[in-house]
């Protein structure tokens, strides 16, 4: 608990996947999120992380205790997307690798992801782009996927 009460700020988790023919490993790294992009802090948190995959498996949770952790996603199929922080209940930003973001776009476009998850990805990408952790084209690509005619956020 002291990692949350004894230091200022909150974490940004960077997520990428490593795949073999029959397994998917999620690699998560943490650093302090700074709205001005200053990432010189060595602050670390104990972060409870939940992940859902597009393979249809239930949520999987783990505790990120250090700067980096690798977790094998049970039941995940290679080539599918993974969403961290489902329903946006965790207090952290998520920076998806280009590949993970690309895999989430169809689920965003066809609304397979719920409204809270779509908006959470948008909020994170906006904050990350504004702070310099991501690029504006990533945000615009997401906005195009969310602008499907005839859909609503809720």
Protein backbone atom coordinates (compact mmCIF):
# COMPACT_ATOMS: atom_id res chain seq x y z
CA UNK A 1 0.00 0.00 0.00
CA UNK A 2 2.89 2.39 0.68
CA UNK A 3 3.73 2.46 -3.02
CA UNK A 4 0.36 4.20 -3.53
CA UNK A 5 0.33 6.43 -0.46
CA UNK A 6 4.01 7.24 -0.08
CA UNK A 7 4.74 8.68 -3.51
CA UNK A 8 3.17 11.15 -5.90
CA UNK A 9 1.53 10.15 -9.17
CA UNK A 10 0.42 6.92 -10.75
CA UNK A 11 1.88 4.39 -13.20
CA UNK A 12 1.76 4.00 -16.94
CA UNK A 13 1.88 0.38 -18.07
CA UNK A 14 3.37 -0.44 -21.46
CA UNK A 15 2.06 -3.68 -22.96
CA UNK A 16 3.32 -5.86 -25.77
CA UNK A 17 2.96 -9.51 -26.68
CA UNK A 18 5.42 -12.28 -27.45
CA UNK A 19 3.89 -15.22 -29.27
CA UNK A 20 4.78 -18.76 -30.19
CA UNK A 21 2.60 -21.07 -32.25
CA UNK A 22 0.63 -22.13 -29.18
CA UNK A 23 1.04 -19.47 -26.47
CA UNK A 24 0.79 -15.75 -25.88
CA UNK A 25 2.97 -13.98 -23.34
CA UNK A 26 2.10 -10.47 -22.24
CA UNK A 27 5.08 -8.28 -21.37
CA UNK A 28 4.16 -5.38 -19.08
CA UNK A 29 6.51 -2.59 -18.03
CA UNK A 30 5.74 0.26 -15.68
CA UNK A 31 6.98 3.79 -15.29
CA UNK A 32 5.58 6.93 -13.72
CA UNK A 33 3.07 8.77 -15.91
CA UNK A 34 3.85 12.48 -16.10
CA UNK A 35 1.50 14.77 -18.00
CA UNK A 36 4.51 16.81 -19.14
CA UNK A 37 6.33 13.73 -20.42
CA UNK A 38 9.16 13.88 -17.85
CA UNK A 39 9.87 10.20 -17.27
CA UNK A 40 13.03 10.53 -15.19
CA UNK A 41 11.35 9.22 -12.03
CA UNK A 42 12.26 5.77 -10.73
CA UNK A 43 8.94 5.42 -8.85
CA UNK A 44 7.40 1.93 -8.91
CA UNK A 45 4.06 0.64 -7.69
CA UNK A 46 2.54 -2.69 -6.76
CA UNK A 47 -0.07 -2.73 -9.51
CA UNK A 48 -2.98 -5.18 -9.62
CA UNK A 49 -3.44 -5.81 -13.35
CA UNK A 50 -6.38 -7.49 -15.05
CA UNK A 51 -6.34 -8.58 -18.70
CA UNK A 52 -9.07 -9.86 -20.99
CA UNK A 53 -8.37 -11.42 -24.37
CA UNK A 54 -10.39 -11.60 -27.55
CA UNK A 55 -10.08 -15.39 -27.39
CA UNK A 56 -13.13 -15.43 -25.13
CA UNK A 57 -11.37 -16.52 -21.96
CA UNK A 58 -12.33 -14.88 -18.69
CA UNK A 59 -10.23 -12.16 -17.12
CA UNK A 60 -6.77 -13.00 -15.84
CA UNK A 61 -5.23 -11.02 -12.98
CA UNK A 62 -1.70 -10.66 -11.65
CA UNK A 63 0.30 -8.32 -9.44
CA UNK A 64 2.98 -6.29 -11.20
CA UNK A 65 5.66 -6.01 -8.52
CA UNK A 66 8.65 -4.60 -10.38
CA UNK A 67 9.55 -2.64 -13.46
CA UNK A 68 8.77 -5.52 -15.85
CA UNK A 69 6.81 -8.75 -15.75
CA UNK A 70 5.97 -11.44 -18.30
CA UNK A 71 2.70 -13.34 -17.95
CA UNK A 72 1.49 -16.25 -20.09
CA UNK A 73 -2.13 -15.51 -21.01
CA UNK A 74 -4.08 -18.69 -20.36
CA UNK A 75 -6.34 -19.64 -23.27
CA UNK A 76 -5.23 -16.74 -25.47
CA UNK A 77 -4.74 -17.55 -29.13
CA UNK A 78 -1.84 -16.09 -31.11
CA UNK A 79 -2.93 -13.16 -33.28
CA UNK A 80 -5.74 -12.00 -30.99
CA UNK A 81 -5.93 -8.78 -28.99
CA UNK A 82 -5.60 -8.27 -25.26
CA UNK A 83 -7.18 -5.43 -23.25
CA UNK A 84 -5.64 -4.33 -19.96
CA UNK A 85 -7.73 -2.69 -17.27
CA UNK A 86 -11.18 -3.93 -18.35
CA UNK A 87 -13.97 -1.55 -17.31
CA UNK A 88 -11.23 0.95 -16.36
CA UNK A 89 -11.20 -0.01 -12.68
CA UNK A 90 -7.42 0.28 -12.19
CA UNK A 91 -5.65 3.58 -11.56
CA UNK A 92 -3.06 3.49 -14.34
CA UNK A 93 -2.59 4.50 -17.97
CA UNK A 94 -2.02 1.82 -20.60
CA UNK A 95 0.30 2.30 -23.55
CA UNK A 96 -0.29 -0.51 -26.05
CA UNK A 97 2.37 -1.58 -28.52
CA UNK A 98 1.56 -0.79 -32.14
CA UNK A 99 0.67 -4.45 -32.71
CA UNK A 100 -1.68 -4.72 -29.71
CA UNK A 101 -3.45 -1.48 -30.62
CA UNK A 102 -3.86 -2.70 -34.21
CA UNK A 103 -5.43 -5.94 -32.91
CA UNK A 104 -7.90 -4.02 -30.72
CA UNK A 105 -9.15 -1.75 -33.52
CA UNK A 106 -11.67 -4.24 -35.02
CA UNK A 107 -13.21 -4.83 -31.57
CA UNK A 108 -13.47 -1.08 -31.12
CA UNK A 109 -14.98 -0.55 -34.56
CA UNK A 110 -17.64 -3.26 -34.23
CA UNK A 111 -18.24 -2.43 -30.55
CA UNK A 112 -17.22 -5.87 -29.29
CA UNK A 113 -15.48 -3.90 -26.53
CA UNK A 114 -17.86 -2.19 -24.15
CA UNK A 115 -18.28 1.58 -23.99
CA UNK A 116 -16.11 1.97 -20.86
CA UNK A 117 -13.26 0.06 -22.50
CA UNK A 118 -13.48 2.00 -25.77
CA UNK A 119 -13.54 5.30 -23.92
CA UNK A 120 -10.72 4.18 -21.62
CA UNK A 121 -8.46 3.40 -24.58
CA UNK A 122 -9.33 6.78 -26.07
CA UNK A 123 -8.63 8.63 -22.80
CA UNK A 124 -5.31 6.85 -22.35
CA UNK A 125 -4.20 7.50 -25.94
CA UNK A 126 -5.19 11.17 -25.70
CA UNK A 127 -3.25 11.64 -22.44
CA UNK A 128 -0.27 9.68 -23.78
CA UNK A 129 -0.16 11.69 -27.01
CA UNK A 130 -0.50 14.98 -25.14
CA UNK A 131 2.38 14.01 -22.82
CA UNK A 132 4.57 12.76 -25.68
CA UNK A 133 4.47 9.04 -24.81
CA UNK A 134 2.49 8.23 -27.96
CA UNK A 135 1.86 9.85 -31.31
CA UNK A 136 -1.10 11.77 -32.65
CA UNK A 137 -1.50 9.32 -35.59
CA UNK A 138 -2.18 6.51 -33.08
CA UNK A 139 -4.95 8.61 -31.54
CA UNK A 140 -6.38 9.54 -34.95
CA UNK A 141 -6.37 5.88 -36.03
CA UNK A 142 -8.39 5.07 -32.92
CA UNK A 143 -10.78 7.96 -33.57
CA UNK A 144 -11.43 6.68 -37.11
CA UNK A 145 -12.25 3.22 -35.71
CA UNK A 146 -14.62 4.78 -33.18
CA UNK A 147 -16.39 6.93 -35.76
CA UNK A 148 -18.29 4.07 -37.37
CA UNK A 149 -21.53 5.51 -38.67
CA UNK A 150 -24.59 4.58 -36.69
CA UNK A 151 -22.76 3.72 -33.49
CA UNK A 152 -22.83 5.46 -30.17
CA UNK A 153 -20.41 5.50 -27.30
CA UNK A 154 -22.95 4.11 -24.85
